[in-house]
């Protein structure tokens, strides 16, 4: 039991994987913002350019 507790406490004290996790979360956040922006831009382009063209036909 002492070996298990020692292994767990050793894993808790280590922080070398923390940077990778933070970079991963940052990449996911940037991807979400980019997807939202592209979706919004696509909707705007559709409403401004393609809806008037479709109404004329």
C-alpha atoms as a PDB file:
ATOM      1  CA  UNK A   1       0.000   0.000   0.000  1.00  0.00           C
ATOM      2  CA  UNK A   2       2.874   2.342   0.744  1.00  0.00           C
ATOM      3  CA  UNK A   3       4.259   1.794  -2.752  1.00  0.00           C
ATOM      4  CA  UNK A   4       0.916   2.765  -4.302  1.00  0.00           C
ATOM      5  CA  UNK A   5       0.668   5.906  -2.190  1.00  0.00           C
ATOM      6  CA  UNK A   6       4.270   6.803  -3.009  1.00  0.00           C
ATOM      7  CA  UNK A   7       3.614   6.321  -6.745  1.00  0.00           C
ATOM      8  CA  UNK A   8       0.455   8.442  -6.632  1.00  0.00           C
ATOM      9  CA  UNK A   9       2.152  11.216  -4.678  1.00  0.00           C
ATOM     10  CA  UNK A  10       5.049  11.132  -7.155  1.00  0.00           C
ATOM     11  CA  UNK A  11       2.624  11.522 -10.070  1.00  0.00           C
ATOM     12  CA  UNK A  12       0.807  14.367  -8.335  1.00  0.00           C
ATOM     13  CA  UNK A  13       4.033  16.286  -7.746  1.00  0.00           C
ATOM     14  CA  UNK A  14       5.247  15.940 -11.341  1.00  0.00           C
ATOM     15  CA  UNK A  15       4.230  18.764 -13.646  1.00  0.00           C
ATOM     16  CA  UNK A  16       6.149  18.061 -16.852  1.00  0.00           C
ATOM     17  CA  UNK A  17       2.993  17.102 -18.774  1.00  0.00           C
ATOM     18  CA  UNK A  18       1.179  20.224 -17.690  1.00  0.00           C
ATOM     19  CA  UNK A  19       2.609  22.403 -20.471  1.00  0.00           C
ATOM     20  CA  UNK A  20       1.472  19.986 -23.157  1.00  0.00           C
ATOM     21  CA  UNK A  21      -2.031  19.957 -21.721  1.00  0.00           C
ATOM     22  CA  UNK A  22      -2.150  23.738 -21.654  1.00  0.00           C
ATOM     23  CA  UNK A  23      -1.010  23.967 -25.279  1.00  0.00           C
ATOM     24  CA  UNK A  24      -3.643  21.408 -26.251  1.00  0.00           C
ATOM     25  CA  UNK A  25      -6.393  23.365 -24.507  1.00  0.00           C
ATOM     26  CA  UNK A  26      -5.198  26.571 -26.150  1.00  0.00           C
ATOM     27  CA  UNK A  27      -5.267  24.905 -29.576  1.00  0.00           C
ATOM     28  CA  UNK A  28      -8.819  23.667 -28.962  1.00  0.00           C
ATOM     29  CA  UNK A  29      -9.928  27.141 -27.873  1.00  0.00           C
ATOM     30  CA  UNK A  30      -8.407  28.719 -30.974  1.00  0.00           C
ATOM     31  CA  UNK A  31     -10.066  26.086 -33.177  1.00  0.00           C
ATOM     32  CA  UNK A  32     -13.478  26.791 -31.620  1.00  0.00           C
ATOM     33  CA  UNK A  33     -13.078  30.542 -32.197  1.00  0.00           C
ATOM     34  CA  UNK A  34     -11.991  29.988 -35.804  1.00  0.00           C
ATOM     35  CA  UNK A  35     -14.915  27.647 -36.511  1.00  0.00           C
ATOM     36  CA  UNK A  36     -17.371  30.151 -35.021  1.00  0.00           C
ATOM     37  CA  UNK A  37     -15.854  32.972 -37.079  1.00  0.00           C
ATOM     38  CA  UNK A  38     -15.925  31.036 -40.341  1.00  0.00           C
ATOM     39  CA  UNK A  39     -19.514  29.966 -39.713  1.00  0.00           C
ATOM     40  CA  UNK A  40     -20.555  33.545 -39.016  1.00  0.00           C
ATOM     41  CA  UNK A  41     -18.695  34.816 -42.072  1.00  0.00           C
ATOM     42  CA  UNK A  42     -20.326  32.151 -44.235  1.00  0.00           C
ATOM     43  CA  UNK A  43     -23.785  33.122 -43.027  1.00  0.00           C
ATOM     44  CA  UNK A  44     -23.078  36.780 -43.703  1.00  0.00           C
ATOM     45  CA  UNK A  45     -21.802  36.079 -47.207  1.00  0.00           C
ATOM     46  CA  UNK A  46     -24.875  33.973 -47.936  1.00  0.00           C
ATOM     47  CA  UNK A  47     -27.244  36.671 -46.723  1.00  0.00           C
ATOM     48  CA  UNK A  48     -25.485  39.588 -48.442  1.00  0.00           C
ATOM     49  CA  UNK A  49     -24.533  38.063 -51.788  1.00  0.00           C
ATOM     50  CA  UNK A  50     -26.507  34.909 -52.548  1.00  0.00           C
ATOM     51  CA  UNK A  51     -29.966  35.757 -51.193  1.00  0.00           C
ATOM     52  CA  UNK A  52     -30.431  38.771 -53.543  1.00  0.00           C
ATOM     53  CA  UNK A  53     -29.214  36.715 -56.484  1.00  0.00           C
ATOM     54  CA  UNK A  54     -31.595  33.875 -55.621  1.00  0.00           C
ATOM     55  CA  UNK A  55     -34.533  36.286 -55.269  1.00  0.00           C
ATOM     56  CA  UNK A  56     -33.979  37.665 -58.762  1.00  0.00           C
ATOM     57  CA  UNK A  57     -34.430  34.263 -60.388  1.00  0.00           C
END
